[in-house]
Amino acid sequence: MSGGDVGGGVGIRFDGVSVAYGSHTVLDSLDLTVERGEVMALLGPSGSGKTTALRAVAGFVTPVRGRVLIGDRDVTDLPPHRRGVGMVVQSYALFPHMRVEDNVAFGLKAQKAEKTAIPGRVAEALEMTGMAAYAKRYPRELSGGQQQRVAIARALAIRPGVLLLDEPLSALDAQLRSGMLAELASLHRELPDVSILYVTHDQVEALTLADRIAVMDKARLRDCGTPQELYRSPRTEFTASFVGNANLLPVRVGSGQVRLGEAELTVDTAGVVAGATATLCVRPHLVGLGEGANALRGTVAEVQWRGATHRLYVDVAGQRVKADVRELRVPPALGEQVVLHFAPEDAVLLSAGVSDE
């Protein structure tokens, strides 16, 4: 199954795209390129502009400024049915009175595909999504996960160059969501030329599926990079807190060291002026319990058992530090004095000059 003709090596390009409703800007000057065959996750809280960006590609909203390109075509003013994109929304939007095969055929008929070609295209899309055996069923006879697969099959049947997924797993329970993540990853491997724009507020989905993640907040793009880049070396406090979980600790910068309360901690201070205030970012799973490099002494405020790990909350110099340690046979008691530690290379110093605004 080949992707639609998007032309060139680029799947999607936002060129200074802004969307507004009256005086309220909901997407502000978005510049972003999704390469051909790439999965780009738009990650952010509600109201961040991520769904608006996806709808601008689909043609459901019109920018007040900027251009949307699919391949080498400027589609900013084209109606949705002429853009060659497939879309899956949260509710799946299946027609309840139609069998699965007719739901999948709907887009092909709307595009006035050759009647003789439609059955084969429908069968191909259902086979790819593992729903071939359910072609004669109605949506009410399917589980939530099966309905989602049908919605994806309908989007794929038109052989789009661009596939838009708007919170497609939000209606599923945790176990189904995990299984569908694996299936979406497998599906992507079968569609190497299709560019996928995936809107989500779920960090795990973005980290699992995306080749790159665009982090959005308050209608603007805040950061963009591979999951590993954003997780290991975030540029802003917002990225650090929204992509994974992080300790964000205010520190005073020295030369090759920072100070948190009375503790002097060795970290990379390159690019940060000595004497400045900054934020130290350390992921909880990289914080150990016991003596070691960069020791932090504090008082246990809370202990949470999480199966394979214990999450410790330790008050250190007026800050609450989180540590995820392997399940402890005897976890520390509330109020107990403990020592935490982390390796210098596991910390990132976020300069106050790198703004989230």
Protein backbone atom coordinates (compact mmCIF):
# COMPACT_ATOMS: atom_id res chain seq x y z
CA MET A 1 0.00 0.00 0.00
CA SER A 2 1.59 3.26 -1.06
CA GLY A 3 1.02 6.74 0.33
CA GLY A 4 -0.82 9.39 -1.65
CA ASP A 5 1.07 11.77 -3.90
CA VAL A 6 2.26 14.46 -1.55
CA GLY A 7 5.20 15.30 -3.79
CA GLY A 8 8.74 16.10 -2.74
CA GLY A 9 10.46 14.87 0.40
CA VAL A 10 8.31 16.83 2.83
CA GLY A 11 5.02 15.52 4.20
CA ILE A 12 3.60 18.62 5.92
CA ARG A 13 4.89 22.16 6.37
CA PHE A 14 3.43 24.88 8.57
CA ASP A 15 4.77 28.22 7.35
CA GLY A 16 4.00 30.89 9.96
CA VAL A 17 0.47 29.54 10.50
CA SER A 18 -1.82 31.50 12.83
CA VAL A 19 -5.46 30.75 13.57
CA ALA A 20 -7.76 33.11 15.46
CA TYR A 21 -11.40 33.29 16.45
CA GLY A 22 -12.15 36.97 16.58
CA SER A 23 -9.49 38.56 18.76
CA HIS A 24 -8.53 35.25 20.38
CA THR A 25 -5.45 33.59 18.85
CA VAL A 26 -5.56 29.80 19.20
CA LEU A 27 -2.47 29.04 17.09
CA ASP A 28 0.33 31.57 16.92
CA SER A 29 2.92 31.69 14.11
CA LEU A 30 3.58 27.95 13.84
CA ASP A 31 6.66 26.99 11.83
CA LEU A 32 7.04 23.22 11.70
CA THR A 33 8.03 20.62 9.10
CA VAL A 34 6.96 16.97 9.17
CA GLU A 35 9.15 14.91 6.88
CA ARG A 36 7.80 12.33 4.49
CA GLY A 37 7.29 9.07 6.39
CA GLU A 38 7.78 10.71 9.80
CA VAL A 39 5.55 10.41 12.85
CA MET A 40 5.30 13.83 14.49
CA ALA A 41 3.47 14.03 17.81
CA LEU A 42 1.91 17.33 18.81
CA LEU A 43 2.06 17.16 22.60
CA GLY A 44 0.57 19.67 24.99
CA PRO A 45 -2.19 20.42 27.49
CA SER A 46 -5.75 21.31 26.55
CA GLY A 47 -5.89 24.65 24.81
CA SER A 48 -2.27 24.52 23.63
CA GLY A 49 -3.16 24.73 19.92
CA LYS A 50 -2.26 21.18 18.93
CA THR A 51 -5.71 20.14 17.65
CA THR A 52 -6.08 23.47 15.85
CA ALA A 53 -2.82 22.76 14.01
CA LEU A 54 -4.11 19.35 12.93
CA ARG A 55 -7.44 20.85 11.81
CA ALA A 56 -5.55 23.42 9.75
CA VAL A 57 -3.91 20.55 7.85
CA ALA A 58 -7.25 18.79 7.42
CA GLY A 59 -8.87 21.96 6.10
CA PHE A 60 -11.43 22.36 8.89
CA VAL A 61 -10.03 25.75 9.98
CA THR A 62 -8.57 28.50 7.83
CA PRO A 63 -5.41 30.34 8.94
CA VAL A 64 -5.56 34.11 9.29
CA ARG A 65 -1.86 34.16 8.40
CA GLY A 66 0.65 31.74 6.95
CA ARG A 67 0.47 28.70 4.68
CA VAL A 68 -0.09 24.97 5.04
CA LEU A 69 1.74 22.78 2.53
CA ILE A 70 1.32 19.06 1.91
CA GLY A 71 4.30 17.94 -0.08
CA ASP A 72 5.01 20.75 -2.52
CA ARG A 73 1.34 21.83 -2.75
CA ASP A 74 -0.02 24.88 -0.96
CA VAL A 75 -3.33 23.53 0.38
CA THR A 76 -4.19 26.52 2.58
CA ASP A 77 -7.30 27.39 0.59
CA LEU A 78 -8.25 23.91 -0.63
CA PRO A 79 -11.38 22.19 0.75
CA PRO A 80 -10.78 19.09 2.92
CA HIS A 81 -11.76 16.54 0.27
CA ARG A 82 -9.07 17.82 -2.11
CA ARG A 83 -6.15 17.55 0.32
CA GLY A 84 -5.56 13.79 0.17
CA VAL A 85 -5.38 13.32 3.93
CA GLY A 86 -6.85 10.60 6.13
CA MET A 87 -8.11 11.53 9.60
CA VAL A 88 -9.08 9.64 12.74
CA VAL A 89 -10.81 11.57 15.53
CA GLN A 90 -11.45 10.76 19.18
CA SER A 91 -15.01 9.52 18.67
CA TYR A 92 -14.08 7.46 15.56
CA ALA A 93 -17.24 8.90 13.86
CA LEU A 94 -18.34 5.59 12.35
CA PHE A 95 -21.76 5.45 10.71
CA PRO A 96 -23.85 3.18 12.99
CA HIS A 97 -26.23 2.07 10.21
CA MET A 98 -23.38 0.91 7.94
CA ARG A 99 -21.44 -2.32 8.10
CA VAL A 100 -17.69 -2.14 8.64
CA GLU A 101 -16.91 -2.60 4.95
CA ASP A 102 -19.29 0.22 3.99
CA ASN A 103 -17.77 2.54 6.59
CA VAL A 104 -14.33 1.87 5.14
CA ALA A 105 -15.58 2.39 1.58
CA PHE A 106 -17.19 5.74 2.41
CA GLY A 107 -14.15 7.90 1.70
CA LEU A 108 -13.42 6.09 -1.55
CA LYS A 109 -16.96 6.67 -2.77
CA ALA A 110 -16.77 10.33 -1.74
CA GLN A 111 -13.61 10.61 -3.86
CA LYS A 112 -15.46 8.93 -6.73
CA ALA A 113 -12.95 6.09 -6.92
CA GLU A 114 -13.49 3.47 -9.62
CA LYS A 115 -16.30 1.20 -8.42
CA THR A 116 -14.42 -1.92 -9.45
CA ALA A 117 -11.41 -0.88 -7.36
CA ILE A 118 -13.28 -0.16 -4.12
CA PRO A 119 -13.74 -3.76 -2.81
CA GLY A 120 -10.02 -4.46 -3.18
CA ARG A 121 -9.01 -1.20 -1.46
CA VAL A 122 -11.44 -1.89 1.40
CA ALA A 123 -10.12 -5.45 1.83
CA GLU A 124 -6.54 -4.15 1.80
CA ALA A 125 -7.21 -1.56 4.51
CA LEU A 126 -9.12 -4.03 6.70
CA GLU A 127 -6.35 -6.61 6.35
CA MET A 128 -3.71 -4.05 7.32
CA THR A 129 -5.61 -3.15 10.49
CA GLY A 130 -6.50 -6.74 11.41
CA MET A 131 -10.23 -6.25 10.84
CA ALA A 132 -10.82 -8.37 7.71
CA ALA A 133 -12.92 -10.88 9.65
CA TYR A 134 -15.30 -8.15 10.85
CA ALA A 135 -16.23 -6.66 7.47
CA LYS A 136 -19.93 -7.59 7.75
CA ARG A 137 -20.43 -6.37 11.32
CA TYR A 138 -21.99 -3.12 12.47
CA PRO A 139 -20.08 -0.71 14.76
CA ARG A 140 -22.34 -1.58 17.72
CA GLU A 141 -21.06 -5.17 17.47
CA LEU A 142 -17.44 -4.09 17.95
CA SER A 143 -15.33 -3.21 20.97
CA GLY A 144 -13.81 0.25 21.36
CA GLY A 145 -10.45 -0.97 20.10
CA GLN A 146 -12.05 -2.63 17.08
CA GLN A 147 -13.98 0.52 16.24
CA GLN A 148 -10.74 2.45 16.36
CA ARG A 149 -9.15 0.03 13.90
CA VAL A 150 -12.08 0.47 11.53
CA ALA A 151 -11.69 4.25 11.72
CA ILE A 152 -8.00 3.87 10.86
CA ALA A 153 -8.85 1.47 8.02
CA ARG A 154 -11.29 4.03 6.60
CA ALA A 155 -8.57 6.69 6.73
CA LEU A 156 -6.03 4.39 5.06
CA ALA A 157 -8.36 3.17 2.29
CA ILE A 158 -7.94 6.43 0.37
CA ARG A 159 -4.16 5.84 0.41
CA PRO A 160 -3.34 9.21 1.95
CA GLY A 161 0.07 10.81 1.91
CA VAL A 162 -0.76 12.28 5.30
CA LEU A 163 -2.55 10.57 8.19
CA LEU A 164 -3.97 12.78 10.96
CA LEU A 165 -4.70 11.18 14.34
CA ASP A 166 -6.52 13.35 16.90
CA GLU A 167 -6.31 11.75 20.37
CA PRO A 168 -7.24 8.38 18.81
CA LEU A 169 -6.67 6.34 21.98
CA SER A 170 -8.33 8.61 24.52
CA ALA A 171 -11.55 6.57 24.65
CA LEU A 172 -9.75 3.29 25.41
CA ASP A 173 -8.84 1.80 28.78
CA ALA A 174 -5.19 1.48 29.77
CA GLN A 175 -4.73 -2.12 28.61
CA LEU A 176 -6.36 -1.52 25.22
CA ARG A 177 -4.37 1.69 24.81
CA SER A 178 -1.11 -0.18 25.33
CA GLY A 179 -2.06 -2.78 22.75
CA MET A 180 -3.16 -0.18 20.20
CA LEU A 181 0.11 1.73 20.66
CA ALA A 182 1.99 -1.39 19.61
CA GLU A 183 -0.34 -1.86 16.64
CA LEU A 184 0.03 1.76 15.51
CA ALA A 185 3.81 1.40 15.69
CA SER A 186 3.58 -1.75 13.56
CA LEU A 187 1.25 0.01 11.12
CA HIS A 188 3.74 2.83 10.70
CA ARG A 189 6.43 0.35 9.70
CA GLU A 190 4.11 -0.90 6.94
CA LEU A 191 3.52 2.66 5.68
CA PRO A 192 7.05 4.06 5.31
CA ASP A 193 6.01 6.95 3.02
CA VAL A 194 2.99 8.19 4.96
CA SER A 195 3.54 11.23 7.18
CA ILE A 196 1.62 10.94 10.46
CA LEU A 197 0.61 13.92 12.60
CA TYR A 198 -0.44 12.58 15.99
CA VAL A 199 -2.18 14.86 18.50
CA THR A 200 -2.03 13.79 22.14
CA HIS A 201 -1.73 15.07 25.69
CA ASP A 202 -0.35 11.69 26.79
CA GLN A 203 3.43 11.60 27.26
CA VAL A 204 3.66 7.81 26.92
CA GLU A 205 1.91 7.82 23.55
CA ALA A 206 4.22 10.54 22.24
CA LEU A 207 7.40 8.91 23.57
CA THR A 208 6.36 5.49 22.24
CA LEU A 209 5.21 6.39 18.74
CA ALA A 210 6.85 9.59 17.59
CA ASP A 211 10.02 10.09 15.59
CA ARG A 212 9.90 13.68 16.84
CA ILE A 213 7.72 15.55 19.32
CA ALA A 214 6.53 19.14 18.98
CA VAL A 215 5.74 20.48 22.45
CA MET A 216 3.01 23.11 22.44
CA ASP A 217 1.62 25.46 25.08
CA LYS A 218 -0.55 28.58 24.99
CA ALA A 219 -0.98 28.46 21.20
CA ARG A 220 2.76 28.34 20.49
CA LEU A 221 5.43 25.79 19.66
CA ARG A 222 7.76 25.61 22.67
CA ASP A 223 10.20 22.88 21.68
CA CYS A 224 10.76 20.21 19.05
CA GLY A 225 13.09 17.23 18.92
CA THR A 226 13.36 13.47 19.16
CA PRO A 227 11.83 11.86 22.26
CA GLN A 228 15.35 11.15 23.55
CA GLU A 229 16.47 14.76 23.04
CA LEU A 230 13.47 16.25 24.81
CA TYR A 231 13.62 13.74 27.65
CA ARG A 232 17.36 13.84 28.28
CA SER A 233 18.13 17.46 27.38
CA PRO A 234 15.00 19.62 27.65
CA ARG A 235 15.50 23.31 26.85
CA THR A 236 12.76 24.72 29.07
CA GLU A 237 11.05 23.95 32.34
CA PHE A 238 7.77 23.38 30.50
CA THR A 239 9.33 20.74 28.25
CA ALA A 240 11.04 19.08 31.21
CA SER A 241 7.80 18.85 33.16
CA PHE A 242 5.55 17.84 30.25
CA VAL A 243 7.80 15.28 28.57
CA GLY A 244 8.25 12.75 31.36
CA ASN A 245 8.48 13.56 35.04
CA ALA A 246 11.17 15.80 36.47
CA ASN A 247 12.61 17.34 39.59
CA LEU A 248 12.94 21.07 38.86
CA LEU A 249 15.07 22.61 41.59
CA PRO A 250 16.05 26.30 41.86
CA VAL A 251 19.81 26.63 42.28
CA ARG A 252 22.54 29.29 42.39
CA VAL A 253 25.21 28.77 39.73
CA GLY A 254 28.92 28.66 40.48
CA SER A 255 31.86 27.55 38.32
CA GLY A 256 31.19 23.91 37.45
CA GLN A 257 28.93 23.67 40.48
CA VAL A 258 25.52 24.77 41.68
CA ARG A 259 24.23 25.30 45.20
CA LEU A 260 20.94 23.97 46.54
CA GLY A 261 20.60 25.09 50.14
CA GLU A 262 23.86 24.06 51.79
CA ALA A 263 24.65 21.38 49.21
CA GLU A 264 27.20 22.03 46.47
CA LEU A 265 26.42 19.90 43.43
CA THR A 266 28.68 19.17 40.47
CA VAL A 267 26.92 19.62 37.12
CA ASP A 268 27.68 20.99 33.68
CA THR A 269 27.30 24.77 33.93
CA ALA A 270 28.48 25.59 30.40
CA GLY A 271 26.60 28.54 28.96
CA VAL A 272 25.20 29.69 32.32
CA VAL A 273 26.72 32.75 33.99
CA ALA A 274 28.24 32.21 37.43
CA GLY A 275 26.16 33.87 40.13
CA ALA A 276 22.92 33.49 38.17
CA THR A 277 19.89 31.56 39.31
CA ALA A 278 18.86 28.56 37.23
CA THR A 279 16.76 25.40 37.42
CA LEU A 280 18.33 21.98 37.91
CA CYS A 281 16.43 19.21 36.12
CA VAL A 282 16.90 15.60 37.30
CA ARG A 283 14.58 12.74 36.38
CA PRO A 284 13.27 10.83 39.44
CA HIS A 285 14.47 7.43 38.20
CA LEU A 286 18.02 8.81 38.08
CA VAL A 287 17.96 9.76 41.76
CA GLY A 288 19.31 7.04 44.03
CA LEU A 289 18.89 6.37 47.74
CA GLY A 290 22.06 6.40 49.86
CA GLU A 291 25.47 8.04 49.77
CA GLY A 292 26.96 8.93 46.41
CA ALA A 293 27.94 11.79 44.13
CA ASN A 294 25.89 14.96 44.53
CA ALA A 295 24.42 14.00 47.90
CA LEU A 296 21.15 15.59 48.96
CA ARG A 297 20.20 15.25 52.64
CA GLY A 298 16.59 15.60 53.60
CA THR A 299 13.48 14.33 55.37
CA VAL A 300 11.05 11.76 53.97
CA ALA A 301 7.68 13.45 53.44
CA GLU A 302 5.82 10.72 51.53
CA VAL A 303 6.34 7.15 50.31
CA GLN A 304 4.32 5.63 47.46
CA TRP A 305 4.51 1.96 46.47
CA ARG A 306 4.26 1.59 42.69
CA GLY A 307 4.84 -2.10 42.23
CA ALA A 308 8.37 -2.38 40.84
CA THR A 309 9.45 0.87 42.51
CA HIS A 310 8.87 3.10 45.50
CA ARG A 311 8.41 6.80 44.84
CA LEU A 312 10.03 8.77 47.66
CA TYR A 313 9.26 12.43 48.28
CA VAL A 314 12.06 13.98 50.28
CA ASP A 315 12.16 17.55 51.58
CA VAL A 316 15.58 19.02 50.78
CA ALA A 317 16.41 22.67 51.54
CA GLY A 318 12.78 23.68 51.20
CA GLN A 319 12.27 21.71 47.96
CA ARG A 320 10.49 18.38 47.52
CA VAL A 321 12.68 15.95 45.59
CA LYS A 322 11.22 12.83 43.95
CA ALA A 323 13.20 9.60 43.75
CA ASP A 324 12.00 6.42 42.05
CA VAL A 325 13.98 3.55 43.58
CA ARG A 326 13.64 -0.19 43.06
CA GLU A 327 11.07 -1.72 45.36
CA LEU A 328 12.44 -1.59 48.90
CA ARG A 329 11.85 -4.42 51.35
CA VAL A 330 11.77 -1.86 54.15
CA PRO A 331 11.09 1.63 52.81
CA PRO A 332 12.12 4.61 54.96
CA ALA A 333 9.57 5.92 57.44
CA LEU A 334 7.91 9.30 57.23
CA GLY A 335 10.09 11.89 58.96
CA GLU A 336 13.24 9.76 58.59
CA GLN A 337 16.47 11.51 57.56
CA VAL A 338 17.83 10.08 54.29
CA VAL A 339 20.46 10.82 51.66
CA LEU A 340 19.71 10.94 47.94
CA HIS A 341 22.27 11.20 45.16
CA PHE A 342 22.54 11.58 41.38
CA ALA A 343 25.35 11.44 38.85
CA PRO A 344 26.58 14.78 37.41
CA GLU A 345 25.88 13.62 33.85
CA ASP A 346 22.25 12.85 34.73
CA ALA A 347 21.36 16.47 35.46
CA VAL A 348 20.51 19.28 33.05
CA LEU A 349 20.84 22.94 34.00
CA LEU A 350 18.09 25.12 32.58
CA SER A 351 19.10 28.72 32.35
CA ALA A 352 16.65 31.36 33.48
CA GLY A 353 17.36 33.01 30.12
CA VAL A 354 15.58 30.19 28.26
CA SER A 355 12.01 31.33 28.60
CA ASP A 356 8.85 29.31 28.45
CA GLU A 357 7.00 32.38 27.21
